[in-house]
Amino acid sequence: MRKEAIVIGKNYECRKTDFARPIIGEVVKKEDEGCIVNVERFYGLDADKINAADGKVMIKYSEVAGIVSSECFFS
């Protein structure tokens, strides 16, 4: 995704190339080369790649797959 399209405070699915599966997290900061994501959901094999102290990881803008909606509608 483009930097301009990403909104701080929203949750996104991210597909980091060095992770086994996609992660979902909230964007907390945008920088020139990517954004800082507070990881909320991840696959267990990737636990060692996430900062244990604060649960954050650096994501390149090209690795952001799309926004994840927290709202559900059932009819």
PDB file of N, CA and C in Angstrom:
ATOM      1  N   MET A   1       0.844  -1.187   0.000  1.00  0.00           N
ATOM      2  CA  MET A   1       0.000   0.000   0.000  1.00  0.00           C
ATOM      3  C   MET A   1       0.880   1.238   0.000  1.00  0.00           C
ATOM      4  N   ARG A   2       0.280   2.322  -0.395  1.00  0.00           N
ATOM      5  CA  ARG A   2       0.989   3.599  -0.357  1.00  0.00           C
ATOM      6  C   ARG A   2       0.943   4.185   1.060  1.00  0.00           C
ATOM      7  N   LYS A   3       1.973   4.902   1.402  1.00  0.00           N
ATOM      8  CA  LYS A   3       2.074   5.524   2.725  1.00  0.00           C
ATOM      9  C   LYS A   3       0.861   6.405   3.012  1.00  0.00           C
ATOM     10  N   GLU A   4       0.415   7.138   2.008  1.00  0.00           N
ATOM     11  CA  GLU A   4      -0.699   8.073   2.184  1.00  0.00           C
ATOM     12  C   GLU A   4      -2.017   7.365   2.477  1.00  0.00           C
ATOM     13  N   ALA A   5      -2.150   6.106   2.050  1.00  0.00           N
ATOM     14  CA  ALA A   5      -3.396   5.366   2.226  1.00  0.00           C
ATOM     15  C   ALA A   5      -3.519   4.727   3.607  1.00  0.00           C
ATOM     16  N   ILE A   6      -2.430   4.653   4.329  1.00  0.00           N
ATOM     17  CA  ILE A   6      -2.429   3.997   5.639  1.00  0.00           C
ATOM     18  C   ILE A   6      -2.777   5.011   6.721  1.00  0.00           C
ATOM     19  N   VAL A   7      -3.691   4.612   7.609  1.00  0.00           N
ATOM     20  CA  VAL A   7      -4.182   5.492   8.670  1.00  0.00           C
ATOM     21  C   VAL A   7      -3.669   4.996  10.015  1.00  0.00           C
ATOM     22  N   ILE A   8      -3.034   5.886  10.756  1.00  0.00           N
ATOM     23  CA  ILE A   8      -2.568   5.549  12.101  1.00  0.00           C
ATOM     24  C   ILE A   8      -3.778   5.250  12.969  1.00  0.00           C
ATOM     25  N   GLY A   9      -3.679   4.169  13.756  1.00  0.00           N
ATOM     26  CA  GLY A   9      -4.766   3.766  14.651  1.00  0.00           C
ATOM     27  C   GLY A   9      -5.681   2.701  14.069  1.00  0.00           C
ATOM     28  N   LYS A  10      -5.510   2.389  12.790  1.00  0.00           N
ATOM     29  CA  LYS A  10      -6.319   1.346  12.142  1.00  0.00           C
ATOM     30  C   LYS A  10      -5.546   0.035  12.114  1.00  0.00           C
ATOM     31  N   ASN A  11      -6.280  -1.076  12.052  1.00  0.00           N
ATOM     32  CA  ASN A  11      -5.667  -2.406  11.973  1.00  0.00           C
ATOM     33  C   ASN A  11      -5.498  -2.826  10.521  1.00  0.00           C
ATOM     34  N   TYR A  12      -4.346  -3.444  10.242  1.00  0.00           N
ATOM     35  CA  TYR A  12      -4.027  -3.892   8.890  1.00  0.00           C
ATOM     36  C   TYR A  12      -3.492  -5.314   8.916  1.00  0.00           C
ATOM     37  N   GLU A  13      -3.741  -6.039   7.834  1.00  0.00           N
ATOM     38  CA  GLU A  13      -3.102  -7.334   7.623  1.00  0.00           C
ATOM     39  C   GLU A  13      -1.781  -7.052   6.929  1.00  0.00           C
ATOM     40  N   CYS A  14      -0.713  -7.629   7.467  1.00  0.00           N
ATOM     41  CA  CYS A  14       0.622  -7.400   6.925  1.00  0.00           C
ATOM     42  C   CYS A  14       1.255  -8.744   6.583  1.00  0.00           C
ATOM     43  N   ARG A  15       1.899  -8.797   5.439  1.00  0.00           N
ATOM     44  CA  ARG A  15       2.533 -10.031   4.977  1.00  0.00           C
ATOM     45  C   ARG A  15       4.037  -9.810   4.849  1.00  0.00           C
ATOM     46  N   LYS A  16       4.709  -9.865   5.992  1.00  0.00           N
ATOM     47  CA  LYS A  16       6.167  -9.714   5.983  1.00  0.00           C
ATOM     48  C   LYS A  16       6.800 -10.913   5.312  1.00  0.00           C
ATOM     49  N   THR A  17       7.794 -10.649   4.501  1.00  0.00           N
ATOM     50  CA  THR A  17       8.423 -11.718   3.728  1.00  0.00           C
ATOM     51  C   THR A  17       9.143 -12.737   4.609  1.00  0.00           C
ATOM     52  N   ASP A  18       9.631 -12.337   5.773  1.00  0.00           N
ATOM     53  CA  ASP A  18      10.355 -13.271   6.639  1.00  0.00           C
ATOM     54  C   ASP A  18       9.471 -13.918   7.705  1.00  0.00           C
ATOM     55  N   PHE A  19       8.145 -13.713   7.651  1.00  0.00           N
ATOM     56  CA  PHE A  19       7.211 -14.328   8.589  1.00  0.00           C
ATOM     57  C   PHE A  19       6.523 -15.507   7.915  1.00  0.00           C
ATOM     58  N   ALA A  20       6.176 -16.524   8.694  1.00  0.00           N
ATOM     59  CA  ALA A  20       5.519 -17.719   8.160  1.00  0.00           C
ATOM     60  C   ALA A  20       4.102 -17.418   7.666  1.00  0.00           C
ATOM     61  N   ARG A  21       3.395 -16.580   8.370  1.00  0.00           N
ATOM     62  CA  ARG A  21       2.004 -16.248   8.046  1.00  0.00           C
ATOM     63  C   ARG A  21       1.789 -14.738   8.200  1.00  0.00           C
ATOM     64  N   PRO A  22       0.686 -14.227   7.645  1.00  0.00           N
ATOM     65  CA  PRO A  22       0.374 -12.816   7.830  1.00  0.00           C
ATOM     66  C   PRO A  22       0.136 -12.480   9.301  1.00  0.00           C
ATOM     67  N   ILE A  23       0.370 -11.232   9.647  1.00  0.00           N
ATOM     68  CA  ILE A  23       0.074 -10.741  10.992  1.00  0.00           C
ATOM     69  C   ILE A  23      -0.974  -9.646  10.877  1.00  0.00           C
ATOM     70  N   ILE A  24      -1.648  -9.387  11.976  1.00  0.00           N
ATOM     71  CA  ILE A  24      -2.615  -8.298  12.034  1.00  0.00           C
ATOM     72  C   ILE A  24      -2.206  -7.406  13.187  1.00  0.00           C
ATOM     73  N   GLY A  25      -2.182  -6.098  12.919  1.00  0.00           N
ATOM     74  CA  GLY A  25      -1.791  -5.172  13.958  1.00  0.00           C
ATOM     75  C   GLY A  25      -2.210  -3.751  13.665  1.00  0.00           C
ATOM     76  N   GLU A  26      -2.132  -2.937  14.691  1.00  0.00           N
ATOM     77  CA  GLU A  26      -2.506  -1.523  14.613  1.00  0.00           C
ATOM     78  C   GLU A  26      -1.284  -0.682  14.261  1.00  0.00           C
ATOM     79  N   VAL A  27      -1.427   0.167  13.263  1.00  0.00           N
ATOM     80  CA  VAL A  27      -0.346   1.077  12.883  1.00  0.00           C
ATOM     81  C   VAL A  27      -0.252   2.177  13.941  1.00  0.00           C
ATOM     82  N   VAL A  28       0.931   2.314  14.560  1.00  0.00           N
ATOM     83  CA  VAL A  28       1.122   3.316  15.593  1.00  0.00           C
ATOM     84  C   VAL A  28       2.008   4.472  15.149  1.00  0.00           C
ATOM     85  N   LYS A  29       2.778   4.254  14.054  1.00  0.00           N
ATOM     86  CA  LYS A  29       3.668   5.316  13.578  1.00  0.00           C
ATOM     87  C   LYS A  29       4.023   5.055  12.125  1.00  0.00           C
ATOM     88  N   LYS A  30       4.075   6.119  11.337  1.00  0.00           N
ATOM     89  CA  LYS A  30       4.511   6.013   9.945  1.00  0.00           C
ATOM     90  C   LYS A  30       5.861   6.708   9.798  1.00  0.00           C
ATOM     91  N   GLU A  31       6.774   6.034   9.102  1.00  0.00           N
ATOM     92  CA  GLU A  31       8.097   6.583   8.840  1.00  0.00           C
ATOM     93  C   GLU A  31       8.336   6.550   7.341  1.00  0.00           C
ATOM     94  N   ASP A  32       9.475   7.038   6.888  1.00  0.00           N
ATOM     95  CA  ASP A  32       9.764   7.085   5.459  1.00  0.00           C
ATOM     96  C   ASP A  32       9.832   5.701   4.815  1.00  0.00           C
ATOM     97  N   GLU A  33      10.483   4.759   5.481  1.00  0.00           N
ATOM     98  CA  GLU A  33      10.682   3.438   4.885  1.00  0.00           C
ATOM     99  C   GLU A  33       9.602   2.418   5.216  1.00  0.00           C
ATOM    100  N   GLY A  34       8.728   2.726   6.163  1.00  0.00           N
ATOM    101  CA  GLY A  34       7.660   1.804   6.548  1.00  0.00           C
ATOM    102  C   GLY A  34       6.914   2.309   7.764  1.00  0.00           C
ATOM    103  N   CYS A  35       6.147   1.415   8.377  1.00  0.00           N
ATOM    104  CA  CYS A  35       5.383   1.821   9.542  1.00  0.00           C
ATOM    105  C   CYS A  35       5.625   0.855  10.701  1.00  0.00           C
ATOM    106  N   ILE A  36       5.404   1.358  11.905  1.00  0.00           N
ATOM    107  CA  ILE A  36       5.529   0.563  13.114  1.00  0.00           C
ATOM    108  C   ILE A  36       4.134   0.033  13.446  1.00  0.00           C
ATOM    109  N   VAL A  37       4.040  -1.292  13.607  1.00  0.00           N
ATOM    110  CA  VAL A  37       2.757  -1.940  13.865  1.00  0.00           C
ATOM    111  C   VAL A  37       2.797  -2.612  15.230  1.00  0.00           C
ATOM    112  N   ASN A  38       1.764  -2.370  16.037  1.00  0.00           N
ATOM    113  CA  ASN A  38       1.588  -3.055  17.305  1.00  0.00           C
ATOM    114  C   ASN A  38       0.851  -4.358  16.989  1.00  0.00           C
ATOM    115  N   VAL A  39       1.552  -5.473  17.037  1.00  0.00           N
ATOM    116  CA  VAL A  39       1.015  -6.759  16.600  1.00  0.00           C
ATOM    117  C   VAL A  39      -0.064  -7.248  17.564  1.00  0.00           C
ATOM    118  N   GLU A  40      -1.225  -7.592  16.987  1.00  0.00           N
ATOM    119  CA  GLU A  40      -2.336  -8.096  17.785  1.00  0.00           C
ATOM    120  C   GLU A  40      -2.572  -9.583  17.557  1.00  0.00           C
ATOM    121  N   ARG A  41      -2.377 -10.049  16.323  1.00  0.00           N
ATOM    122  CA  ARG A  41      -2.537 -11.477  16.015  1.00  0.00           C
ATOM    123  C   ARG A  41      -1.397 -11.931  15.117  1.00  0.00           C
ATOM    124  N   PHE A  42      -0.851 -13.111  15.443  1.00  0.00           N
ATOM    125  CA  PHE A  42       0.256 -13.643  14.662  1.00  0.00           C
ATOM    126  C   PHE A  42       0.294 -15.154  14.815  1.00  0.00           C
ATOM    127  N   TYR A  43       1.015 -15.803  13.925  1.00  0.00           N
ATOM    128  CA  TYR A  43       1.199 -17.244  13.950  1.00  0.00           C
ATOM    129  C   TYR A  43       2.329 -17.557  14.929  1.00  0.00           C
ATOM    130  N   GLY A  44       2.184 -18.619  15.705  1.00  0.00           N
ATOM    131  CA  GLY A  44       3.141 -18.957  16.761  1.00  0.00           C
ATOM    132  C   GLY A  44       4.587 -19.067  16.332  1.00  0.00           C
ATOM    133  N   LEU A  45       4.834 -19.532  15.109  1.00  0.00           N
ATOM    134  CA  LEU A  45       6.218 -19.670  14.649  1.00  0.00           C
ATOM    135  C   LEU A  45       6.945 -18.336  14.530  1.00  0.00           C
ATOM    136  N   ASP A  46       6.198 -17.246  14.457  1.00  0.00           N
ATOM    137  CA  ASP A  46       6.792 -15.921  14.270  1.00  0.00           C
ATOM    138  C   ASP A  46       7.017 -15.164  15.578  1.00  0.00           C
ATOM    139  N   ALA A  47       6.741 -15.782  16.705  1.00  0.00           N
ATOM    140  CA  ALA A  47       6.831 -15.097  18.002  1.00  0.00           C
ATOM    141  C   ALA A  47       8.211 -14.509  18.262  1.00  0.00           C
ATOM    142  N   ASP A  48       9.264 -15.188  17.840  1.00  0.00           N
ATOM    143  CA  ASP A  48      10.618 -14.698  18.099  1.00  0.00           C
ATOM    144  C   ASP A  48      11.018 -13.510  17.227  1.00  0.00           C
ATOM    145  N   LYS A  49      10.217 -13.188  16.222  1.00  0.00           N
ATOM    146  CA  LYS A  49      10.529 -12.074  15.330  1.00  0.00           C
ATOM    147  C   LYS A  49       9.848 -10.777  15.758  1.00  0.00           C
ATOM    148  N   ILE A  50       8.998 -10.874  16.776  1.00  0.00           N
ATOM    149  CA  ILE A  50       8.270  -9.703  17.280  1.00  0.00           C
ATOM    150  C   ILE A  50       8.968  -9.219  18.536  1.00  0.00           C
ATOM    151  N   ASN A  51       9.129  -7.921  18.663  1.00  0.00           N
ATOM    152  CA  ASN A  51       9.805  -7.342  19.816  1.00  0.00           C
ATOM    153  C   ASN A  51       9.076  -7.760  21.094  1.00  0.00           C
ATOM    154  N   ALA A  52       9.718  -8.559  21.916  1.00  0.00           N
ATOM    155  CA  ALA A  52       9.099  -9.102  23.124  1.00  0.00           C
ATOM    156  C   ALA A  52       8.771  -8.019  24.147  1.00  0.00           C
ATOM    157  N   ALA A  53       9.518  -6.929  24.152  1.00  0.00           N
ATOM    158  CA  ALA A  53       9.308  -5.876  25.142  1.00  0.00           C
ATOM    159  C   ALA A  53       8.028  -5.082  24.895  1.00  0.00           C
ATOM    160  N   ASP A  54       7.727  -4.803  23.622  1.00  0.00           N
ATOM    161  CA  ASP A  54       6.563  -3.955  23.355  1.00  0.00           C
ATOM    162  C   ASP A  54       5.599  -4.498  22.301  1.00  0.00           C
ATOM    163  N   GLY A  55       5.902  -5.630  21.691  1.00  0.00           N
ATOM    164  CA  GLY A  55       4.990  -6.246  20.720  1.00  0.00           C
ATOM    165  C   GLY A  55       4.898  -5.531  19.387  1.00  0.00           C
ATOM    166  N   LYS A  56       5.922  -4.762  19.055  1.00  0.00           N
ATOM    167  CA  LYS A  56       5.892  -3.991  17.814  1.00  0.00           C
ATOM    168  C   LYS A  56       6.857  -4.568  16.784  1.00  0.00           C
ATOM    169  N   VAL A  57       6.560  -4.273  15.519  1.00  0.00           N
ATOM    170  CA  VAL A  57       7.414  -4.731  14.427  1.00  0.00           C
ATOM    171  C   VAL A  57       7.374  -3.682  13.318  1.00  0.00           C
ATOM    172  N   MET A  58       8.484  -3.560  12.592  1.00  0.00           N
ATOM    173  CA  MET A  58       8.576  -2.630  11.470  1.00  0.00           C
ATOM    174  C   MET A  58       8.074  -3.330  10.214  1.00  0.00           C
ATOM    175  N   ILE A  59       7.178  -2.685   9.486  1.00  0.00           N
ATOM    176  CA  ILE A  59       6.589  -3.240   8.274  1.00  0.00           C
ATOM    177  C   ILE A  59       6.858  -2.276   7.118  1.00  0.00           C
ATOM    178  N   LYS A  60       7.329  -2.812   5.994  1.00  0.00           N
ATOM    179  CA  LYS A  60       7.478  -1.985   4.788  1.00  0.00           C
ATOM    180  C   LYS A  60       6.082  -1.726   4.226  1.00  0.00           C
ATOM    181  N   TYR A  61       5.916  -0.590   3.577  1.00  0.00           N
ATOM    182  CA  TYR A  61       4.595  -0.263   3.010  1.00  0.00           C
ATOM    183  C   TYR A  61       4.154  -1.299   1.977  1.00  0.00           C
ATOM    184  N   SER A  62       5.098  -1.886   1.270  1.00  0.00           N
ATOM    185  CA  SER A  62       4.753  -2.912   0.280  1.00  0.00           C
ATOM    186  C   SER A  62       4.255  -4.205   0.925  1.00  0.00           C
ATOM    187  N   GLU A  63       4.496  -4.385   2.227  1.00  0.00           N
ATOM    188  CA  GLU A  63       4.073  -5.584   2.943  1.00  0.00           C
ATOM    189  C   GLU A  63       2.695  -5.440   3.584  1.00  0.00           C
ATOM    190  N   VAL A  64       2.107  -4.257   3.516  1.00  0.00           N
ATOM    191  CA  VAL A  64       0.770  -4.039   4.065  1.00  0.00           C
ATOM    192  C   VAL A  64      -0.245  -4.493   3.018  1.00  0.00           C
ATOM    193  N   ALA A  65      -1.024  -5.530   3.372  1.00  0.00           N
ATOM    194  CA  ALA A  65      -1.963  -6.122   2.414  1.00  0.00           C
ATOM    195  C   ALA A  65      -3.286  -5.366   2.361  1.00  0.00           C
ATOM    196  N   GLY A  66      -3.777  -4.909   3.486  1.00  0.00           N
ATOM    197  CA  GLY A  66      -5.045  -4.204   3.495  1.00  0.00           C
ATOM    198  C   GLY A  66      -5.567  -4.001   4.897  1.00  0.00           C
ATOM    199  N   ILE A  67      -6.580  -3.169   4.989  1.00  0.00           N
ATOM    200  CA  ILE A  67      -7.184  -2.832   6.275  1.00  0.00           C
ATOM    201  C   ILE A  67      -8.056  -3.997   6.747  1.00  0.00           C
ATOM    202  N   VAL A  68      -8.110  -4.166   8.059  1.00  0.00           N
ATOM    203  CA  VAL A  68      -8.927  -5.204   8.679  1.00  0.00           C
ATOM    204  C   VAL A  68     -10.031  -4.491   9.458  1.00  0.00           C
ATOM    205  N   SER A  69     -11.248  -4.797   9.137  1.00  0.00           N
ATOM    206  CA  SER A  69     -12.380  -4.163   9.803  1.00  0.00           C
ATOM    207  C   SER A  69     -12.659  -4.843  11.131  1.00  0.00           C
ATOM    208  N   SER A  70     -12.883  -4.056  12.160  1.00  0.00           N
ATOM    209  CA  SER A  70     -13.227  -4.612  13.466  1.00  0.00           C
ATOM    210  C   SER A  70     -14.744  -4.647  13.650  1.00  0.00           C
ATOM    211  N   GLU A  71     -15.456  -4.099  12.675  1.00  0.00           N
ATOM    212  CA  GLU A  71     -16.908  -4.077  12.756  1.00  0.00           C
ATOM    213  C   GLU A  71     -17.476  -5.253  11.963  1.00  0.00           C
ATOM    214  N   CYS A  72     -18.449  -5.926  12.540  1.00  0.00           N
ATOM    215  CA  CYS A  72     -19.099  -7.041  11.864  1.00  0.00           C
ATOM    216  C   CYS A  72     -20.594  -6.752  11.774  1.00  0.00           C
ATOM    217  N   PHE A  73     -21.173  -7.168  10.683  1.00  0.00           N
ATOM    218  CA  PHE A  73     -22.606  -6.965  10.502  1.00  0.00           C
ATOM    219  C   PHE A  73     -23.230  -8.304  10.166  1.00  0.00           C
ATOM    220  N   PHE A  74     -24.200  -8.697  10.958  1.00  0.00           N
ATOM    221  CA  PHE A  74     -24.924  -9.949  10.713  1.00  0.00           C
ATOM    222  C   PHE A  74     -26.376  -9.619  10.453  1.00  0.00           C
ATOM    223  N   SER A  75     -26.933 -10.239   9.416  1.00  0.00           N
ATOM    224  CA  SER A  75     -28.345  -9.984   9.129  1.00  0.00           C
ATOM    225  C   SER A  75     -29.177 -11.203   9.450  1.00  0.00           C
TER     226      SER A  75
END
